[in-house]
């Protein structure tokens, strides 16, 4: 991630926390209606909860 700041960091899709300071930050990319959609997660736990 280049030149990111806390102000423009996305929030975790599952818990709503900022992913800026997370060392376990994950992104899942999906295609919805022909557009790339990025889902951000602060940890593997939040990603796994979202996938369940």
PDB file of N, CA and C in Angstrom:
ATOM      1  N   UNK A   1       0.856  -1.159   0.000  1.00  0.00           N
ATOM      2  CA  UNK A   1       0.000   0.000   0.000  1.00  0.00           C
ATOM      3  C   UNK A   1       0.903   1.224   0.000  1.00  0.00           C
ATOM      4  N   UNK A   2       0.747   2.083  -0.932  1.00  0.00           N
ATOM      5  CA  UNK A   2       1.648   3.213  -1.083  1.00  0.00           C
ATOM      6  C   UNK A   2       1.044   4.494  -0.526  1.00  0.00           C
ATOM      7  N   UNK A   3       1.832   5.209   0.268  1.00  0.00           N
ATOM      8  CA  UNK A   3       1.444   6.526   0.776  1.00  0.00           C
ATOM      9  C   UNK A   3       0.070   6.552   1.416  1.00  0.00           C
ATOM     10  N   UNK A   4      -0.252   5.571   2.227  1.00  0.00           N
ATOM     11  CA  UNK A   4      -1.533   5.531   2.907  1.00  0.00           C
ATOM     12  C   UNK A   4      -1.448   6.271   4.236  1.00  0.00           C
ATOM     13  N   UNK A   5      -2.537   6.925   4.594  1.00  0.00           N
ATOM     14  CA  UNK A   5      -2.608   7.567   5.900  1.00  0.00           C
ATOM     15  C   UNK A   5      -3.810   7.009   6.634  1.00  0.00           C
ATOM     16  N   UNK A   6      -3.859   7.237   7.937  1.00  0.00           N
ATOM     17  CA  UNK A   6      -4.999   6.784   8.724  1.00  0.00           C
ATOM     18  C   UNK A   6      -6.296   7.407   8.227  1.00  0.00           C
ATOM     19  N   UNK A   7      -6.232   8.623   7.699  1.00  0.00           N
ATOM     20  CA  UNK A   7      -7.435   9.318   7.254  1.00  0.00           C
ATOM     21  C   UNK A   7      -8.085   8.652   6.051  1.00  0.00           C
ATOM     22  N   UNK A   8      -7.299   8.062   5.154  1.00  0.00           N
ATOM     23  CA  UNK A   8      -7.886   7.465   3.962  1.00  0.00           C
ATOM     24  C   UNK A   8      -7.899   5.938   4.012  1.00  0.00           C
ATOM     25  N   UNK A   9      -7.600   5.374   5.170  1.00  0.00           N
ATOM     26  CA  UNK A   9      -7.611   3.923   5.317  1.00  0.00           C
ATOM     27  C   UNK A   9      -9.042   3.424   5.418  1.00  0.00           C
ATOM     28  N   UNK A  10      -9.322   2.312   4.758  1.00  0.00           N
ATOM     29  CA  UNK A  10     -10.674   1.756   4.814  1.00  0.00           C
ATOM     30  C   UNK A  10     -10.967   1.130   6.170  1.00  0.00           C
ATOM     31  N   UNK A  11     -12.239   0.907   6.416  1.00  0.00           N
ATOM     32  CA  UNK A  11     -12.675   0.236   7.631  1.00  0.00           C
ATOM     33  C   UNK A  11     -12.892  -1.237   7.346  1.00  0.00           C
ATOM     34  N   UNK A  12     -12.724  -2.038   8.377  1.00  0.00           N
ATOM     35  CA  UNK A  12     -12.945  -3.474   8.271  1.00  0.00           C
ATOM     36  C   UNK A  12     -14.409  -3.742   7.930  1.00  0.00           C
ATOM     37  N   UNK A  13     -14.623  -4.569   6.940  1.00  0.00           N
ATOM     38  CA  UNK A  13     -15.977  -4.899   6.482  1.00  0.00           C
ATOM     39  C   UNK A  13     -16.775  -5.610   7.579  1.00  0.00           C
ATOM     40  N   UNK A  14     -16.106  -6.324   8.452  1.00  0.00           N
ATOM     41  CA  UNK A  14     -16.787  -7.116   9.476  1.00  0.00           C
ATOM     42  C   UNK A  14     -17.028  -6.329  10.766  1.00  0.00           C
ATOM     43  N   UNK A  15     -15.978  -5.719  11.327  1.00  0.00           N
ATOM     44  CA  UNK A  15     -16.112  -5.080  12.643  1.00  0.00           C
ATOM     45  C   UNK A  15     -16.166  -3.561  12.599  1.00  0.00           C
ATOM     46  N   UNK A  16     -15.755  -2.954  11.474  1.00  0.00           N
ATOM     47  CA  UNK A  16     -15.817  -1.507  11.341  1.00  0.00           C
ATOM     48  C   UNK A  16     -14.586  -0.764  11.816  1.00  0.00           C
ATOM     49  N   UNK A  17     -13.612  -1.459  12.403  1.00  0.00           N
ATOM     50  CA  UNK A  17     -12.374  -0.811  12.837  1.00  0.00           C
ATOM     51  C   UNK A  17     -11.532  -0.430  11.623  1.00  0.00           C
ATOM     52  N   UNK A  18     -10.712   0.590  11.770  1.00  0.00           N
ATOM     53  CA  UNK A  18      -9.792   0.980  10.705  1.00  0.00           C
ATOM     54  C   UNK A  18      -8.747  -0.114  10.516  1.00  0.00           C
ATOM     55  N   UNK A  19      -8.398  -0.391   9.288  1.00  0.00           N
ATOM     56  CA  UNK A  19      -7.387  -1.410   9.012  1.00  0.00           C
ATOM     57  C   UNK A  19      -5.986  -0.802   8.945  1.00  0.00           C
ATOM     58  N   UNK A  20      -5.855   0.490   9.200  1.00  0.00           N
ATOM     59  CA  UNK A  20      -4.586   1.207   9.049  1.00  0.00           C
ATOM     60  C   UNK A  20      -3.469   0.633   9.899  1.00  0.00           C
ATOM     61  N   UNK A  21      -3.736   0.302  11.126  1.00  0.00           N
ATOM     62  CA  UNK A  21      -2.664  -0.139  12.015  1.00  0.00           C
ATOM     63  C   UNK A  21      -2.593  -1.654  12.158  1.00  0.00           C
ATOM     64  N   UNK A  22      -3.353  -2.359  11.367  1.00  0.00           N
ATOM     65  CA  UNK A  22      -3.391  -3.817  11.479  1.00  0.00           C
ATOM     66  C   UNK A  22      -2.274  -4.466  10.678  1.00  0.00           C
ATOM     67  N   UNK A  23      -1.536  -5.339  11.332  1.00  0.00           N
ATOM     68  CA  UNK A  23      -0.492  -6.082  10.623  1.00  0.00           C
ATOM     69  C   UNK A  23      -1.081  -7.308   9.920  1.00  0.00           C
ATOM     70  N   UNK A  24      -2.332  -7.628  10.226  1.00  0.00           N
ATOM     71  CA  UNK A  24      -3.018  -8.777   9.618  1.00  0.00           C
ATOM     72  C   UNK A  24      -4.027  -8.360   8.562  1.00  0.00           C
ATOM     73  N   UNK A  25      -3.889  -7.160   8.044  1.00  0.00           N
ATOM     74  CA  UNK A  25      -4.796  -6.584   7.053  1.00  0.00           C
ATOM     75  C   UNK A  25      -4.969  -7.505   5.846  1.00  0.00           C
ATOM     76  N   UNK A  26      -6.221  -7.751   5.449  1.00  0.00           N
ATOM     77  CA  UNK A  26      -6.536  -8.602   4.301  1.00  0.00           C
ATOM     78  C   UNK A  26      -7.509  -7.874   3.387  1.00  0.00           C
ATOM     79  N   UNK A  27      -7.413  -8.157   2.086  1.00  0.00           N
ATOM     80  CA  UNK A  27      -8.346  -7.611   1.100  1.00  0.00           C
ATOM     81  C   UNK A  27      -8.867  -8.759   0.260  1.00  0.00           C
ATOM     82  N   UNK A  28     -10.175  -8.775   0.062  1.00  0.00           N
ATOM     83  CA  UNK A  28     -10.803  -9.751  -0.818  1.00  0.00           C
ATOM     84  C   UNK A  28     -11.417  -8.962  -1.972  1.00  0.00           C
ATOM     85  N   UNK A  29     -11.082  -9.351  -3.188  1.00  0.00           N
ATOM     86  CA  UNK A  29     -11.613  -8.682  -4.375  1.00  0.00           C
ATOM     87  C   UNK A  29     -12.669  -9.564  -5.010  1.00  0.00           C
ATOM     88  N   UNK A  30     -13.825  -8.984  -5.280  1.00  0.00           N
ATOM     89  CA  UNK A  30     -14.895  -9.691  -5.979  1.00  0.00           C
ATOM     90  C   UNK A  30     -15.348  -8.846  -7.162  1.00  0.00           C
ATOM     91  N   UNK A  31     -16.093  -9.461  -8.067  1.00  0.00           N
ATOM     92  CA  UNK A  31     -16.667  -8.732  -9.190  1.00  0.00           C
ATOM     93  C   UNK A  31     -18.174  -8.751  -9.018  1.00  0.00           C
ATOM     94  N   UNK A  32     -18.757  -7.560  -8.946  1.00  0.00           N
ATOM     95  CA  UNK A  32     -20.196  -7.412  -8.792  1.00  0.00           C
ATOM     96  C   UNK A  32     -20.692  -6.482  -9.887  1.00  0.00           C
ATOM     97  N   UNK A  33     -21.616  -6.971 -10.698  1.00  0.00           N
ATOM     98  CA  UNK A  33     -22.165  -6.190 -11.811  1.00  0.00           C
ATOM     99  C   UNK A  33     -21.068  -5.639 -12.720  1.00  0.00           C
ATOM    100  N   UNK A  34     -20.029  -6.448 -12.955  1.00  0.00           N
ATOM    101  CA  UNK A  34     -18.953  -6.056 -13.846  1.00  0.00           C
ATOM    102  C   UNK A  34     -17.944  -5.089 -13.249  1.00  0.00           C
ATOM    103  N   UNK A  35     -18.049  -4.773 -11.966  1.00  0.00           N
ATOM    104  CA  UNK A  35     -17.146  -3.841 -11.304  1.00  0.00           C
ATOM    105  C   UNK A  35     -16.350  -4.575 -10.224  1.00  0.00           C
ATOM    106  N   UNK A  36     -15.076  -4.228 -10.086  1.00  0.00           N
ATOM    107  CA  UNK A  36     -14.260  -4.789  -9.011  1.00  0.00           C
ATOM    108  C   UNK A  36     -14.661  -4.139  -7.695  1.00  0.00           C
ATOM    109  N   UNK A  37     -14.882  -4.966  -6.686  1.00  0.00           N
ATOM    110  CA  UNK A  37     -15.253  -4.488  -5.352  1.00  0.00           C
ATOM    111  C   UNK A  37     -14.229  -5.039  -4.370  1.00  0.00           C
ATOM    112  N   UNK A  38     -13.707  -4.170  -3.526  1.00  0.00           N
ATOM    113  CA  UNK A  38     -12.672  -4.552  -2.574  1.00  0.00           C
ATOM    114  C   UNK A  38     -13.265  -4.565  -1.169  1.00  0.00           C
ATOM    115  N   UNK A  39     -13.130  -5.704  -0.490  1.00  0.00           N
ATOM    116  CA  UNK A  39     -13.607  -5.859   0.879  1.00  0.00           C
ATOM    117  C   UNK A  39     -12.371  -5.931   1.775  1.00  0.00           C
ATOM    118  N   UNK A  40     -12.282  -5.016   2.734  1.00  0.00           N
ATOM    119  CA  UNK A  40     -11.121  -4.891   3.603  1.00  0.00           C
ATOM    120  C   UNK A  40     -11.421  -5.495   4.968  1.00  0.00           C
ATOM    121  N   UNK A  41     -10.419  -6.192   5.540  1.00  0.00           N
ATOM    122  CA  UNK A  41     -10.564  -6.845   6.837  1.00  0.00           C
ATOM    123  C   UNK A  41      -9.327  -6.576   7.668  1.00  0.00           C
ATOM    124  N   UNK A  42      -9.524  -6.344   8.969  1.00  0.00           N
ATOM    125  CA  UNK A  42      -8.395  -6.027   9.843  1.00  0.00           C
ATOM    126  C   UNK A  42      -7.664  -7.273  10.325  1.00  0.00           C
ATOM    127  N   UNK A  43      -8.279  -8.453  10.174  1.00  0.00           N
ATOM    128  CA  UNK A  43      -7.629  -9.674  10.653  1.00  0.00           C
ATOM    129  C   UNK A  43      -8.206 -10.895   9.942  1.00  0.00           C
ATOM    130  N   UNK A  44      -7.510 -12.002  10.083  1.00  0.00           N
ATOM    131  CA  UNK A  44      -8.017 -13.257   9.536  1.00  0.00           C
ATOM    132  C   UNK A  44      -9.324 -13.655  10.219  1.00  0.00           C
ATOM    133  N   UNK A  45      -9.451 -13.342  11.514  1.00  0.00           N
ATOM    134  CA  UNK A  45     -10.673 -13.674  12.247  1.00  0.00           C
ATOM    135  C   UNK A  45     -11.890 -12.958  11.656  1.00  0.00           C
ATOM    136  N   UNK A  46     -11.740 -11.682  11.350  1.00  0.00           N
ATOM    137  CA  UNK A  46     -12.855 -10.932  10.753  1.00  0.00           C
ATOM    138  C   UNK A  46     -13.171 -11.450   9.362  1.00  0.00           C
ATOM    139  N   UNK A  47     -12.139 -11.783   8.590  1.00  0.00           N
ATOM    140  CA  UNK A  47     -12.352 -12.355   7.260  1.00  0.00           C
ATOM    141  C   UNK A  47     -13.099 -13.660   7.361  1.00  0.00           C
ATOM    142  N   UNK A  48     -12.685 -14.529   8.275  1.00  0.00           N
ATOM    143  CA  UNK A  48     -13.344 -15.826   8.438  1.00  0.00           C
ATOM    144  C   UNK A  48     -14.789 -15.672   8.899  1.00  0.00           C
ATOM    145  N   UNK A  49     -15.053 -14.717   9.783  1.00  0.00           N
ATOM    146  CA  UNK A  49     -16.422 -14.466  10.236  1.00  0.00           C
ATOM    147  C   UNK A  49     -17.301 -13.982   9.087  1.00  0.00           C
ATOM    148  N   UNK A  50     -16.756 -13.114   8.241  1.00  0.00           N
ATOM    149  CA  UNK A  50     -17.490 -12.594   7.093  1.00  0.00           C
ATOM    150  C   UNK A  50     -17.800 -13.710   6.091  1.00  0.00           C
ATOM    151  N   UNK A  51     -16.846 -14.613   5.899  1.00  0.00           N
ATOM    152  CA  UNK A  51     -17.041 -15.714   4.941  1.00  0.00           C
ATOM    153  C   UNK A  51     -18.038 -16.743   5.436  1.00  0.00           C
ATOM    154  N   UNK A  52     -18.253 -16.838   6.739  1.00  0.00           N
ATOM    155  CA  UNK A  52     -19.141 -17.871   7.319  1.00  0.00           C
ATOM    156  C   UNK A  52     -20.606 -17.597   7.041  1.00  0.00           C
TER     157      UNK A  52
END
